[in-house]
Amino acid sequence: MDAAISHPALVQTLEVCGLPLVVRRSGTGPVVVCLHATGHGARDFDRLAQRRGGAFTFIALDWPGQGDSPREAEPASAGRYAALVGGLLEALDLRDVILLGNSIGGAAAI
């Protein structure tokens, strides 16, 4: 049985492609970038990060206007979100990551 382990998240606001985006980071190990569905937020991945944070570093962002990130004028789209993921990876100087996405987050990952 896999017991839940607490791995508190570091929550910060990063400038990504000229936008302030809220990012949650926790755990240690290979990096998993978590991309949530429209109308949700980075906290969707909290339980996974708590349970597997000893094996992976989880980075989860809030898309613009969702979770704790402020809105932007540009409409939501997989293409827009893919650009934001690229900007996040660049801002954090990450190269080899696992992308884990749900709904539009999965489309952005592709």
PDB file of N, CA and C in Angstrom:
ATOM      1  N   MET A   1       0.841  -1.184   0.000  1.00  0.00           N
ATOM      2  CA  MET A   1       0.000   0.000   0.000  1.00  0.00           C
ATOM      3  C   MET A   1       0.884   1.245   0.000  1.00  0.00           C
ATOM      4  N   ASP A   2       0.587   2.170  -0.883  1.00  0.00           N
ATOM      5  CA  ASP A   2       1.381   3.389  -1.036  1.00  0.00           C
ATOM      6  C   ASP A   2       0.810   4.466  -0.125  1.00  0.00           C
ATOM      7  N   ALA A   3       1.456   4.736   0.972  1.00  0.00           N
ATOM      8  CA  ALA A   3       0.966   5.738   1.919  1.00  0.00           C
ATOM      9  C   ALA A   3       1.252   7.137   1.398  1.00  0.00           C
ATOM     10  N   ALA A   4       0.337   8.046   1.673  1.00  0.00           N
ATOM     11  CA  ALA A   4       0.530   9.444   1.269  1.00  0.00           C
ATOM     12  C   ALA A   4       1.659  10.045   2.084  1.00  0.00           C
ATOM     13  N   ILE A   5       2.533  10.761   1.412  1.00  0.00           N
ATOM     14  CA  ILE A   5       3.655  11.438   2.052  1.00  0.00           C
ATOM     15  C   ILE A   5       3.521  12.917   1.748  1.00  0.00           C
ATOM     16  N   SER A   6       3.730  13.745   2.734  1.00  0.00           N
ATOM     17  CA  SER A   6       3.587  15.179   2.535  1.00  0.00           C
ATOM     18  C   SER A   6       4.847  15.762   1.904  1.00  0.00           C
ATOM     19  N   HIS A   7       4.670  16.450   0.800  1.00  0.00           N
ATOM     20  CA  HIS A   7       5.745  17.190   0.137  1.00  0.00           C
ATOM     21  C   HIS A   7       5.208  18.585  -0.123  1.00  0.00           C
ATOM     22  N   PRO A   8       5.427  19.527   0.805  1.00  0.00           N
ATOM     23  CA  PRO A   8       4.847  20.864   0.641  1.00  0.00           C
ATOM     24  C   PRO A   8       5.313  21.539  -0.644  1.00  0.00           C
ATOM     25  N   ALA A   9       4.387  22.219  -1.270  1.00  0.00           N
ATOM     26  CA  ALA A   9       4.678  22.885  -2.547  1.00  0.00           C
ATOM     27  C   ALA A   9       5.224  24.286  -2.318  1.00  0.00           C
ATOM     28  N   LEU A  10       6.196  24.637  -3.135  1.00  0.00           N
ATOM     29  CA  LEU A  10       6.659  26.011  -3.242  1.00  0.00           C
ATOM     30  C   LEU A  10       5.768  26.663  -4.282  1.00  0.00           C
ATOM     31  N   VAL A  11       5.070  27.711  -3.909  1.00  0.00           N
ATOM     32  CA  VAL A  11       4.174  28.408  -4.831  1.00  0.00           C
ATOM     33  C   VAL A  11       4.822  29.743  -5.169  1.00  0.00           C
ATOM     34  N   GLN A  12       4.967  29.991  -6.476  1.00  0.00           N
ATOM     35  CA  GLN A  12       5.582  31.249  -6.896  1.00  0.00           C
ATOM     36  C   GLN A  12       4.914  31.738  -8.177  1.00  0.00           C
ATOM     37  N   THR A  13       5.067  33.020  -8.409  1.00  0.00           N
ATOM     38  CA  THR A  13       4.585  33.614  -9.650  1.00  0.00           C
ATOM     39  C   THR A  13       5.792  33.877 -10.533  1.00  0.00           C
ATOM     40  N   LEU A  14       5.738  33.324 -11.744  1.00  0.00           N
ATOM     41  CA  LEU A  14       6.821  33.502 -12.705  1.00  0.00           C
ATOM     42  C   LEU A  14       6.308  34.266 -13.910  1.00  0.00           C
ATOM     43  N   GLU A  15       7.169  35.054 -14.522  1.00  0.00           N
ATOM     44  CA  GLU A  15       6.794  35.706 -15.771  1.00  0.00           C
ATOM     45  C   GLU A  15       7.100  34.736 -16.912  1.00  0.00           C
ATOM     46  N   VAL A  16       6.052  34.371 -17.629  1.00  0.00           N
ATOM     47  CA  VAL A  16       6.160  33.422 -18.731  1.00  0.00           C
ATOM     48  C   VAL A  16       5.527  34.060 -19.960  1.00  0.00           C
ATOM     49  N   CYS A  17       6.299  34.252 -20.994  1.00  0.00           N
ATOM     50  CA  CYS A  17       5.803  34.890 -22.229  1.00  0.00           C
ATOM     51  C   CYS A  17       5.142  36.238 -21.922  1.00  0.00           C
ATOM     52  N   GLY A  18       5.706  36.965 -20.979  1.00  0.00           N
ATOM     53  CA  GLY A  18       5.183  38.278 -20.620  1.00  0.00           C
ATOM     54  C   GLY A  18       3.992  38.260 -19.686  1.00  0.00           C
ATOM     55  N   LEU A  19       3.597  37.082 -19.203  1.00  0.00           N
ATOM     56  CA  LEU A  19       2.449  36.958 -18.301  1.00  0.00           C
ATOM     57  C   LEU A  19       2.877  36.441 -16.940  1.00  0.00           C
ATOM     58  N   PRO A  20       2.231  36.918 -15.872  1.00  0.00           N
ATOM     59  CA  PRO A  20       2.484  36.314 -14.563  1.00  0.00           C
ATOM     60  C   PRO A  20       1.660  35.033 -14.435  1.00  0.00           C
ATOM     61  N   LEU A  21       2.334  33.905 -14.244  1.00  0.00           N
ATOM     62  CA  LEU A  21       1.650  32.631 -14.039  1.00  0.00           C
ATOM     63  C   LEU A  21       2.060  32.046 -12.694  1.00  0.00           C
ATOM     64  N   VAL A  22       1.091  31.520 -11.972  1.00  0.00           N
ATOM     65  CA  VAL A  22       1.362  30.889 -10.688  1.00  0.00           C
ATOM     66  C   VAL A  22       1.779  29.442 -10.942  1.00  0.00           C
ATOM     67  N   VAL A  23       2.874  29.053 -10.293  1.00  0.00           N
ATOM     68  CA  VAL A  23       3.466  27.730 -10.481  1.00  0.00           C
ATOM     69  C   VAL A  23       3.678  27.105  -9.107  1.00  0.00           C
ATOM     70  N   ARG A  24       3.311  25.825  -8.989  1.00  0.00           N
ATOM     71  CA  ARG A  24       3.520  25.056  -7.766  1.00  0.00           C
ATOM     72  C   ARG A  24       4.616  24.031  -8.053  1.00  0.00           C
ATOM     73  N   ARG A  25       5.574  23.906  -7.133  1.00  0.00           N
ATOM     74  CA  ARG A  25       6.696  22.974  -7.321  1.00  0.00           C
ATOM     75  C   ARG A  25       6.915  22.205  -6.029  1.00  0.00           C
ATOM     76  N   SER A  26       7.045  20.885  -6.158  1.00  0.00           N
ATOM     77  CA  SER A  26       7.312  20.062  -4.978  1.00  0.00           C
ATOM     78  C   SER A  26       7.987  18.767  -5.398  1.00  0.00           C
ATOM     79  N   GLY A  27       8.597  18.100  -4.436  1.00  0.00           N
ATOM     80  CA  GLY A  27       9.209  16.804  -4.654  1.00  0.00           C
ATOM     81  C   GLY A  27      10.653  16.888  -5.105  1.00  0.00           C
ATOM     82  N   THR A  28      11.219  15.706  -5.366  1.00  0.00           N
ATOM     83  CA  THR A  28      12.599  15.597  -5.829  1.00  0.00           C
ATOM     84  C   THR A  28      12.677  14.485  -6.867  1.00  0.00           C
ATOM     85  N   GLY A  29      13.552  14.649  -7.820  1.00  0.00           N
ATOM     86  CA  GLY A  29      13.743  13.628  -8.841  1.00  0.00           C
ATOM     87  C   GLY A  29      13.457  14.175 -10.225  1.00  0.00           C
ATOM     88  N   PRO A  30      13.273  13.278 -11.196  1.00  0.00           N
ATOM     89  CA  PRO A  30      12.958  13.713 -12.554  1.00  0.00           C
ATOM     90  C   PRO A  30      11.737  14.632 -12.560  1.00  0.00           C
ATOM     91  N   VAL A  31      11.724  15.596 -13.468  1.00  0.00           N
ATOM     92  CA  VAL A  31      10.680  16.627 -13.470  1.00  0.00           C
ATOM     93  C   VAL A  31       9.453  16.182 -14.274  1.00  0.00           C
ATOM     94  N   VAL A  32       8.285  16.321 -13.647  1.00  0.00           N
ATOM     95  CA  VAL A  32       6.994  16.107 -14.293  1.00  0.00           C
ATOM     96  C   VAL A  32       6.284  17.459 -14.319  1.00  0.00           C
ATOM     97  N   VAL A  33       5.984  17.962 -15.509  1.00  0.00           N
ATOM     98  CA  VAL A  33       5.256  19.225 -15.654  1.00  0.00           C
ATOM     99  C   VAL A  33       3.785  18.875 -15.847  1.00  0.00           C
ATOM    100  N   CYS A  34       2.944  19.363 -14.939  1.00  0.00           N
ATOM    101  CA  CYS A  34       1.522  19.021 -14.906  1.00  0.00           C
ATOM    102  C   CYS A  34       0.686  20.147 -15.497  1.00  0.00           C
ATOM    103  N   LEU A  35      -0.171  19.786 -16.450  1.00  0.00           N
ATOM    104  CA  LEU A  35      -0.960  20.754 -17.208  1.00  0.00           C
ATOM    105  C   LEU A  35      -2.434  20.415 -17.046  1.00  0.00           C
ATOM    106  N   HIS A  36      -3.179  21.280 -16.394  1.00  0.00           N
ATOM    107  CA  HIS A  36      -4.563  20.986 -16.028  1.00  0.00           C
ATOM    108  C   HIS A  36      -5.566  21.285 -17.135  1.00  0.00           C
ATOM    109  N   ALA A  37      -6.790  20.830 -16.921  1.00  0.00           N
ATOM    110  CA  ALA A  37      -7.905  21.051 -17.842  1.00  0.00           C
ATOM    111  C   ALA A  37      -8.455  22.467 -17.671  1.00  0.00           C
ATOM    112  N   THR A  38      -9.165  22.939 -18.689  1.00  0.00           N
ATOM    113  CA  THR A  38      -9.827  24.239 -18.620  1.00  0.00           C
ATOM    114  C   THR A  38     -10.808  24.254 -17.449  1.00  0.00           C
ATOM    115  N   GLY A  39     -10.809  25.354 -16.723  1.00  0.00           N
ATOM    116  CA  GLY A  39     -11.719  25.502 -15.590  1.00  0.00           C
ATOM    117  C   GLY A  39     -11.218  24.854 -14.314  1.00  0.00           C
ATOM    118  N   HIS A  40     -10.016  24.357 -14.325  1.00  0.00           N
ATOM    119  CA  HIS A  40      -9.430  23.718 -13.143  1.00  0.00           C
ATOM    120  C   HIS A  40      -8.206  24.522 -12.715  1.00  0.00           C
ATOM    121  N   GLY A  41      -7.236  23.865 -12.105  1.00  0.00           N
ATOM    122  CA  GLY A  41      -6.033  24.552 -11.680  1.00  0.00           C
ATOM    123  C   GLY A  41      -4.934  23.572 -11.337  1.00  0.00           C
ATOM    124  N   ALA A  42      -3.776  24.103 -11.026  1.00  0.00           N
ATOM    125  CA  ALA A  42      -2.599  23.300 -10.705  1.00  0.00           C
ATOM    126  C   ALA A  42      -2.852  22.382  -9.512  1.00  0.00           C
ATOM    127  N   ARG A  43      -3.732  22.783  -8.625  1.00  0.00           N
ATOM    128  CA  ARG A  43      -4.004  21.973  -7.432  1.00  0.00           C
ATOM    129  C   ARG A  43      -4.621  20.622  -7.779  1.00  0.00           C
ATOM    130  N   ASP A  44      -5.095  20.452  -9.011  1.00  0.00           N
ATOM    131  CA  ASP A  44      -5.609  19.150  -9.447  1.00  0.00           C
ATOM    132  C   ASP A  44      -4.552  18.063  -9.262  1.00  0.00           C
ATOM    133  N   PHE A  45      -3.286  18.444  -9.280  1.00  0.00           N
ATOM    134  CA  PHE A  45      -2.194  17.472  -9.213  1.00  0.00           C
ATOM    135  C   PHE A  45      -1.578  17.369  -7.811  1.00  0.00           C
ATOM    136  N   ASP A  46      -2.152  18.050  -6.825  1.00  0.00           N
ATOM    137  CA  ASP A  46      -1.585  18.036  -5.473  1.00  0.00           C
ATOM    138  C   ASP A  46      -1.484  16.636  -4.883  1.00  0.00           C
ATOM    139  N   ARG A  47      -2.540  15.858  -5.011  1.00  0.00           N
ATOM    140  CA  ARG A  47      -2.519  14.524  -4.392  1.00  0.00           C
ATOM    141  C   ARG A  47      -1.453  13.646  -5.045  1.00  0.00           C
ATOM    142  N   LEU A  48      -1.342  13.707  -6.363  1.00  0.00           N
ATOM    143  CA  LEU A  48      -0.298  12.950  -7.052  1.00  0.00           C
ATOM    144  C   LEU A  48       1.077  13.386  -6.563  1.00  0.00           C
ATOM    145  N   ALA A  49       1.288  14.688  -6.463  1.00  0.00           N
ATOM    146  CA  ALA A  49       2.580  15.212  -6.004  1.00  0.00           C
ATOM    147  C   ALA A  49       2.865  14.789  -4.566  1.00  0.00           C
ATOM    148  N   GLN A  50       1.848  14.760  -3.729  1.00  0.00           N
ATOM    149  CA  GLN A  50       2.046  14.332  -2.346  1.00  0.00           C
ATOM    150  C   GLN A  50       2.429  12.856  -2.274  1.00  0.00           C
ATOM    151  N   ARG A  51       1.808  12.051  -3.109  1.00  0.00           N
ATOM    152  CA  ARG A  51       2.055  10.606  -3.067  1.00  0.00           C
ATOM    153  C   ARG A  51       3.359  10.208  -3.752  1.00  0.00           C
ATOM    154  N   ARG A  52       3.760  10.910  -4.808  1.00  0.00           N
ATOM    155  CA  ARG A  52       4.914  10.505  -5.596  1.00  0.00           C
ATOM    156  C   ARG A  52       6.066  11.510  -5.551  1.00  0.00           C
ATOM    157  N   GLY A  53       5.961  12.514  -4.671  1.00  0.00           N
ATOM    158  CA  GLY A  53       6.973  13.565  -4.593  1.00  0.00           C
ATOM    159  C   GLY A  53       8.341  13.099  -4.144  1.00  0.00           C
ATOM    160  N   GLY A  54       8.432  11.898  -3.582  1.00  0.00           N
ATOM    161  CA  GLY A  54       9.733  11.359  -3.216  1.00  0.00           C
ATOM    162  C   GLY A  54      10.483  10.807  -4.418  1.00  0.00           C
ATOM    163  N   ALA A  55       9.759  10.590  -5.517  1.00  0.00           N
ATOM    164  CA  ALA A  55      10.361  10.011  -6.709  1.00  0.00           C
ATOM    165  C   ALA A  55      10.477  10.999  -7.871  1.00  0.00           C
ATOM    166  N   PHE A  56       9.679  12.068  -7.827  1.00  0.00           N
ATOM    167  CA  PHE A  56       9.629  13.029  -8.925  1.00  0.00           C
ATOM    168  C   PHE A  56       9.513  14.446  -8.387  1.00  0.00           C
ATOM    169  N   THR A  57       9.976  15.401  -9.171  1.00  0.00           N
ATOM    170  CA  THR A  57       9.691  16.809  -8.925  1.00  0.00           C
ATOM    171  C   THR A  57       8.478  17.156  -9.763  1.00  0.00           C
ATOM    172  N   PHE A  58       7.440  17.659  -9.134  1.00  0.00           N
ATOM    173  CA  PHE A  58       6.217  18.048  -9.831  1.00  0.00           C
ATOM    174  C   PHE A  58       6.171  19.562  -9.959  1.00  0.00           C
ATOM    175  N   ILE A  59       5.960  20.025 -11.185  1.00  0.00           N
ATOM    176  CA  ILE A  59       5.767  21.442 -11.455  1.00  0.00           C
ATOM    177  C   ILE A  59       4.412  21.566 -12.127  1.00  0.00           C
ATOM    178  N   ALA A  60       3.521  22.307 -11.492  1.00  0.00           N
ATOM    179  CA  ALA A  60       2.168  22.477 -12.027  1.00  0.00           C
ATOM    180  C   ALA A  60       1.879  23.967 -12.131  1.00  0.00           C
ATOM    181  N   LEU A  61       1.408  24.390 -13.307  1.00  0.00           N
ATOM    182  CA  LEU A  61       1.111  25.808 -13.484  1.00  0.00           C
ATOM    183  C   LEU A  61      -0.392  26.019 -13.590  1.00  0.00           C
ATOM    184  N   ASP A  62      -0.810  27.213 -13.235  1.00  0.00           N
ATOM    185  CA  ASP A  62      -2.193  27.649 -13.440  1.00  0.00           C
ATOM    186  C   ASP A  62      -2.236  28.414 -14.751  1.00  0.00           C
ATOM    187  N   TRP A  63      -3.071  27.940 -15.699  1.00  0.00           N
ATOM    188  CA  TRP A  63      -3.250  28.678 -16.954  1.00  0.00           C
ATOM    189  C   TRP A  63      -3.796  30.070 -16.657  1.00  0.00           C
ATOM    190  N   PRO A  64      -3.646  31.013 -17.571  1.00  0.00           N
ATOM    191  CA  PRO A  64      -4.170  32.372 -17.348  1.00  0.00           C
ATOM    192  C   PRO A  64      -5.676  32.359 -17.040  1.00  0.00           C
ATOM    193  N   GLY A  65      -6.043  33.081 -15.995  1.00  0.00           N
ATOM    194  CA  GLY A  65      -7.442  33.200 -15.610  1.00  0.00           C
ATOM    195  C   GLY A  65      -7.998  31.973 -14.915  1.00  0.00           C
ATOM    196  N   GLN A  66      -7.123  31.039 -14.552  1.00  0.00           N
ATOM    197  CA  GLN A  66      -7.550  29.820 -13.870  1.00  0.00           C
ATOM    198  C   GLN A  66      -6.658  29.593 -12.660  1.00  0.00           C
ATOM    199  N   GLY A  67      -7.180  28.887 -11.677  1.00  0.00           N
ATOM    200  CA  GLY A  67      -6.409  28.725 -10.450  1.00  0.00           C
ATOM    201  C   GLY A  67      -6.116  30.102  -9.878  1.00  0.00           C
ATOM    202  N   ASP A  68      -4.844  30.375  -9.619  1.00  0.00           N
ATOM    203  CA  ASP A  68      -4.450  31.658  -9.031  1.00  0.00           C
ATOM    204  C   ASP A  68      -3.787  32.611 -10.023  1.00  0.00           C
ATOM    205  N   SER A  69      -3.712  32.230 -11.293  1.00  0.00           N
ATOM    206  CA  SER A  69      -3.097  33.112 -12.298  1.00  0.00           C
ATOM    207  C   SER A  69      -4.109  34.135 -12.806  1.00  0.00           C
ATOM    208  N   PRO A  70      -3.653  35.379 -13.015  1.00  0.00           N
ATOM    209  CA  PRO A  70      -4.563  36.402 -13.539  1.00  0.00           C
ATOM    210  C   PRO A  70      -4.935  36.142 -14.998  1.00  0.00           C
ATOM    211  N   ARG A  71      -6.024  36.738 -15.416  1.00  0.00           N
ATOM    212  CA  ARG A  71      -6.517  36.597 -16.791  1.00  0.00           C
ATOM    213  C   ARG A  71      -5.582  37.289 -17.776  1.00  0.00           C
ATOM    214  N   GLU A  72      -5.735  36.887 -19.037  1.00  0.00           N
ATOM    215  CA  GLU A  72      -5.065  37.572 -20.129  1.00  0.00           C
ATOM    216  C   GLU A  72      -6.101  37.821 -21.216  1.00  0.00           C
ATOM    217  N   ALA A  73      -5.788  38.699 -22.154  1.00  0.00           N
ATOM    218  CA  ALA A  73      -6.735  39.046 -23.213  1.00  0.00           C
ATOM    219  C   ALA A  73      -6.850  37.949 -24.268  1.00  0.00           C
ATOM    220  N   GLU A  74      -5.777  37.194 -24.483  1.00  0.00           N
ATOM    221  CA  GLU A  74      -5.787  36.163 -25.526  1.00  0.00           C
ATOM    222  C   GLU A  74      -6.661  34.979 -25.103  1.00  0.00           C
ATOM    223  N   PRO A  75      -7.488  34.459 -26.021  1.00  0.00           N
ATOM    224  CA  PRO A  75      -8.352  33.335 -25.658  1.00  0.00           C
ATOM    225  C   PRO A  75      -7.561  32.044 -25.433  1.00  0.00           C
ATOM    226  N   ALA A  76      -8.143  31.176 -24.623  1.00  0.00           N
ATOM    227  CA  ALA A  76      -7.537  29.878 -24.355  1.00  0.00           C
ATOM    228  C   ALA A  76      -7.535  29.030 -25.615  1.00  0.00           C
ATOM    229  N   SER A  77      -6.428  28.365 -25.869  1.00  0.00           N
ATOM    230  CA  SER A  77      -6.330  27.406 -26.969  1.00  0.00           C
ATOM    231  C   SER A  77      -5.137  26.498 -26.684  1.00  0.00           C
ATOM    232  N   ALA A  78      -5.164  25.320 -27.295  1.00  0.00           N
ATOM    233  CA  ALA A  78      -4.047  24.394 -27.116  1.00  0.00           C
ATOM    234  C   ALA A  78      -2.746  25.025 -27.625  1.00  0.00           C
ATOM    235  N   GLY A  79      -2.818  25.742 -28.735  1.00  0.00           N
ATOM    236  CA  GLY A  79      -1.629  26.392 -29.277  1.00  0.00           C
ATOM    237  C   GLY A  79      -1.071  27.447 -28.337  1.00  0.00           C
ATOM    238  N   ARG A  80      -1.966  28.253 -27.774  1.00  0.00           N
ATOM    239  CA  ARG A  80      -1.532  29.291 -26.831  1.00  0.00           C
ATOM    240  C   ARG A  80      -0.896  28.652 -25.607  1.00  0.00           C
ATOM    241  N   TYR A  81      -1.547  27.634 -25.084  1.00  0.00           N
ATOM    242  CA  TYR A  81      -1.030  26.981 -23.879  1.00  0.00           C
ATOM    243  C   TYR A  81       0.278  26.252 -24.159  1.00  0.00           C
ATOM    244  N   ALA A  82       0.443  25.682 -25.361  1.00  0.00           N
ATOM    245  CA  ALA A  82       1.709  25.048 -25.727  1.00  0.00           C
ATOM    246  C   ALA A  82       2.846  26.078 -25.710  1.00  0.00           C
ATOM    247  N   ALA A  83       2.553  27.283 -26.202  1.00  0.00           N
ATOM    248  CA  ALA A  83       3.560  28.350 -26.168  1.00  0.00           C
ATOM    249  C   ALA A  83       3.916  28.706 -24.725  1.00  0.00           C
ATOM    250  N   LEU A  84       2.920  28.726 -23.847  1.00  0.00           N
ATOM    251  CA  LEU A  84       3.183  29.026 -22.436  1.00  0.00           C
ATOM    252  C   LEU A  84       4.019  27.929 -21.782  1.00  0.00           C
ATOM    253  N   VAL A  85       3.751  26.666 -22.132  1.00  0.00           N
ATOM    254  CA  VAL A  85       4.567  25.573 -21.595  1.00  0.00           C
ATOM    255  C   VAL A  85       6.013  25.731 -22.062  1.00  0.00           C
ATOM    256  N   GLY A  86       6.204  26.038 -23.330  1.00  0.00           N
ATOM    257  CA  GLY A  86       7.556  26.282 -23.833  1.00  0.00           C
ATOM    258  C   GLY A  86       8.237  27.418 -23.097  1.00  0.00           C
ATOM    259  N   GLY A  87       7.492  28.494 -22.844  1.00  0.00           N
ATOM    260  CA  GLY A  87       8.034  29.623 -22.090  1.00  0.00           C
ATOM    261  C   GLY A  87       8.370  29.255 -20.659  1.00  0.00           C
ATOM    262  N   LEU A  88       7.535  28.411 -20.047  1.00  0.00           N
ATOM    263  CA  LEU A  88       7.801  27.956 -18.676  1.00  0.00           C
ATOM    264  C   LEU A  88       9.080  27.127 -18.637  1.00  0.00           C
ATOM    265  N   LEU A  89       9.221  26.206 -19.570  1.00  0.00           N
ATOM    266  CA  LEU A  89      10.431  25.376 -19.611  1.00  0.00           C
ATOM    267  C   LEU A  89      11.671  26.238 -19.797  1.00  0.00           C
ATOM    268  N   GLU A  90      11.547  27.255 -20.640  1.00  0.00           N
ATOM    269  CA  GLU A  90      12.666  28.178 -20.851  1.00  0.00           C
ATOM    270  C   GLU A  90      12.960  28.988 -19.584  1.00  0.00           C
ATOM    271  N   ALA A  91      11.909  29.507 -18.949  1.00  0.00           N
ATOM    272  CA  ALA A  91      12.088  30.317 -17.737  1.00  0.00           C
ATOM    273  C   ALA A  91      12.751  29.525 -16.610  1.00  0.00           C
ATOM    274  N   LEU A  92      12.445  28.227 -16.539  1.00  0.00           N
ATOM    275  CA  LEU A  92      13.005  27.376 -15.486  1.00  0.00           C
ATOM    276  C   LEU A  92      14.261  26.634 -15.945  1.00  0.00           C
ATOM    277  N   ASP A  93      14.683  26.877 -17.183  1.00  0.00           N
ATOM    278  CA  ASP A  93      15.861  26.241 -17.767  1.00  0.00           C
ATOM    279  C   ASP A  93      15.765  24.719 -17.663  1.00  0.00           C
ATOM    280  N   LEU A  94      14.620  24.178 -18.072  1.00  0.00           N
ATOM    281  CA  LEU A  94      14.391  22.734 -18.049  1.00  0.00           C
ATOM    282  C   LEU A  94      14.472  22.178 -19.459  1.00  0.00           C
ATOM    283  N   ARG A  95      15.105  21.025 -19.610  1.00  0.00           N
ATOM    284  CA  ARG A  95      15.250  20.404 -20.921  1.00  0.00           C
ATOM    285  C   ARG A  95      14.516  19.061 -20.990  1.00  0.00           C
ATOM    286  N   ASP A  96      14.848  18.148 -20.111  1.00  0.00           N
ATOM    287  CA  ASP A  96      14.272  16.802 -20.142  1.00  0.00           C
ATOM    288  C   ASP A  96      13.196  16.695 -19.070  1.00  0.00           C
ATOM    289  N   VAL A  97      11.949  16.719 -19.503  1.00  0.00           N
ATOM    290  CA  VAL A  97      10.830  16.651 -18.568  1.00  0.00           C
ATOM    291  C   VAL A  97       9.801  15.648 -19.077  1.00  0.00           C
ATOM    292  N   ILE A  98       8.946  15.239 -18.178  1.00  0.00           N
ATOM    293  CA  ILE A  98       7.767  14.453 -18.522  1.00  0.00           C
ATOM    294  C   ILE A  98       6.600  15.425 -18.517  1.00  0.00           C
ATOM    295  N   LEU A  99       5.831  15.480 -19.601  1.00  0.00           N
ATOM    296  CA  LEU A  99       4.645  16.332 -19.643  1.00  0.00           C
ATOM    297  C   LEU A  99       3.433  15.478 -19.345  1.00  0.00           C
ATOM    298  N   LEU A 100       2.639  15.910 -18.377  1.00  0.00           N
ATOM    299  CA  LEU A 100       1.434  15.207 -17.971  1.00  0.00           C
ATOM    300  C   LEU A 100       0.273  16.183 -18.078  1.00  0.00           C
ATOM    301  N   GLY A 101      -0.632  15.937 -19.022  1.00  0.00           N
ATOM    302  CA  GLY A 101      -1.709  16.884 -19.250  1.00  0.00           C
ATOM    303  C   GLY A 101      -3.070  16.237 -19.272  1.00  0.00           C
ATOM    304  N   ASN A 102      -4.067  17.001 -18.843  1.00  0.00           N
ATOM    305  CA  ASN A 102      -5.454  16.577 -18.855  1.00  0.00           C
ATOM    306  C   ASN A 102      -6.234  17.541 -19.752  1.00  0.00           C
ATOM    307  N   SER A 103      -7.031  17.004 -20.678  1.00  0.00           N
ATOM    308  CA  SER A 103      -7.877  17.800 -21.560  1.00  0.00           C
ATOM    309  C   SER A 103      -7.024  18.775 -22.366  1.00  0.00           C
ATOM    310  N   ILE A 104      -7.280  20.077 -22.249  1.00  0.00           N
ATOM    311  CA  ILE A 104      -6.485  21.041 -23.021  1.00  0.00           C
ATOM    312  C   ILE A 104      -5.008  20.997 -22.624  1.00  0.00           C
ATOM    313  N   GLY A 105      -4.739  20.589 -21.383  1.00  0.00           N
ATOM    314  CA  GLY A 105      -3.353  20.409 -20.966  1.00  0.00           C
ATOM    315  C   GLY A 105      -2.663  19.295 -21.735  1.00  0.00           C
ATOM    316  N   GLY A 106      -3.406  18.229 -22.040  1.00  0.00           N
ATOM    317  CA  GLY A 106      -2.869  17.154 -22.859  1.00  0.00           C
ATOM    318  C   GLY A 106      -2.628  17.615 -24.287  1.00  0.00           C
ATOM    319  N   ALA A 107      -3.561  18.413 -24.813  1.00  0.00           N
ATOM    320  CA  ALA A 107      -3.381  18.952 -26.174  1.00  0.00           C
ATOM    321  C   ALA A 107      -2.155  19.866 -26.227  1.00  0.00           C
ATOM    322  N   ALA A 108      -1.970  20.682 -25.195  1.00  0.00           N
ATOM    323  CA  ALA A 108      -0.798  21.569 -25.149  1.00  0.00           C
ATOM    324  C   ALA A 108       0.489  20.755 -25.071  1.00  0.00           C
ATOM    325  N   ALA A 109       0.455  19.647 -24.349  1.00  0.00           N
ATOM    326  CA  ALA A 109       1.638  18.791 -24.213  1.00  0.00           C
ATOM    327  C   ALA A 109       2.044  18.177 -25.542  1.00  0.00           C
ATOM    328  N   ILE A 110       1.042  17.819 -26.333  1.00  0.00           N
ATOM    329  CA  ILE A 110       1.333  17.209 -27.645  1.00  0.00           C
ATOM    330  C   ILE A 110       2.040  18.215 -28.525  1.00  0.00           C
TER     331      ILE A 110
END
